[in-house]
Structures are given as structure tokens and as C-alpha cells.
């Protein structure tokens, strides 16, 4: 469990126990909220046709370290999912601190849903692919 307090500290008491101090003006996100913020930023990027890179500060859940992640527009593409083609936006997240590039395939017509994530690390490639698109309405 992570707790952020008024004294500008964040601490974790679960499996990975740590405590760090941070600057008050930093907008530090956890992994889930970083993905939501990325989707918001990509939608804005597309709406404004402004494809400049953006950054998100992400807290490493293992040690509390704050890591800067840079997100760059890579390309517009077609993504095939369950025999259907979707127009997609491909964004690359670059993490200089660990020589890692992650590619996100987002589909604007599905609310910038992430259909696939390809994570290229020094020790190999991990691929996360959405299995099913649920309808909530």
C-alpha cells in the first residue's frame, strides 16, 4: 500500500517497503494512472494535430524511485484485432534509465483503448495483447 502525505513523502508498506521525499510541484503517477494520462495526452495530441513528445513521472512500485518516461508519437497504423482492422496510433515510451522502449497501440475509435503493448528490454521482448473488447452499453 502506498501512502502520500502532506509532508511531501510517499511510502509503501507492502511487499516492497520504502519511503521517499518528493517536491510538492511534481505530478507523480502510479502505473495505472500513468496509462490513463497517456491516453488523455494522445487524444489531445491527435485532436490538436500536435505530435510533440510528452513526459510522465512514474513511481517505481519496487523502490519508490521517480522515473521520467518520455512518450513519442511513432506512427499512424492499422491494427488487426479479431479479424477487424482499426486505425491506430502508435506511441513509444522511452526510458533512458534502463534502456527500455515500450510501444503502445491505441485505437481512437475505441476511446484510445490500448490493444497491444510491446515492451523491448535488454533481456527480451514482452507482448501484452488485449484478449476481448467488452461492450458496456
Foldseek 3Di string as FASTA:
>chain_A
DWDQDPQQKIFDDPPATEMDHDDPPADEDEPVVVVVVVLVVVVVCVVVVPFDKDWHWYADPRYRDTFIKIKGWDDWDWDADPNDTATWTWIWIAGPVFRKIKIWTFGVVLSRDTQKIWIQGPVGIDIDGDDDDDDPD
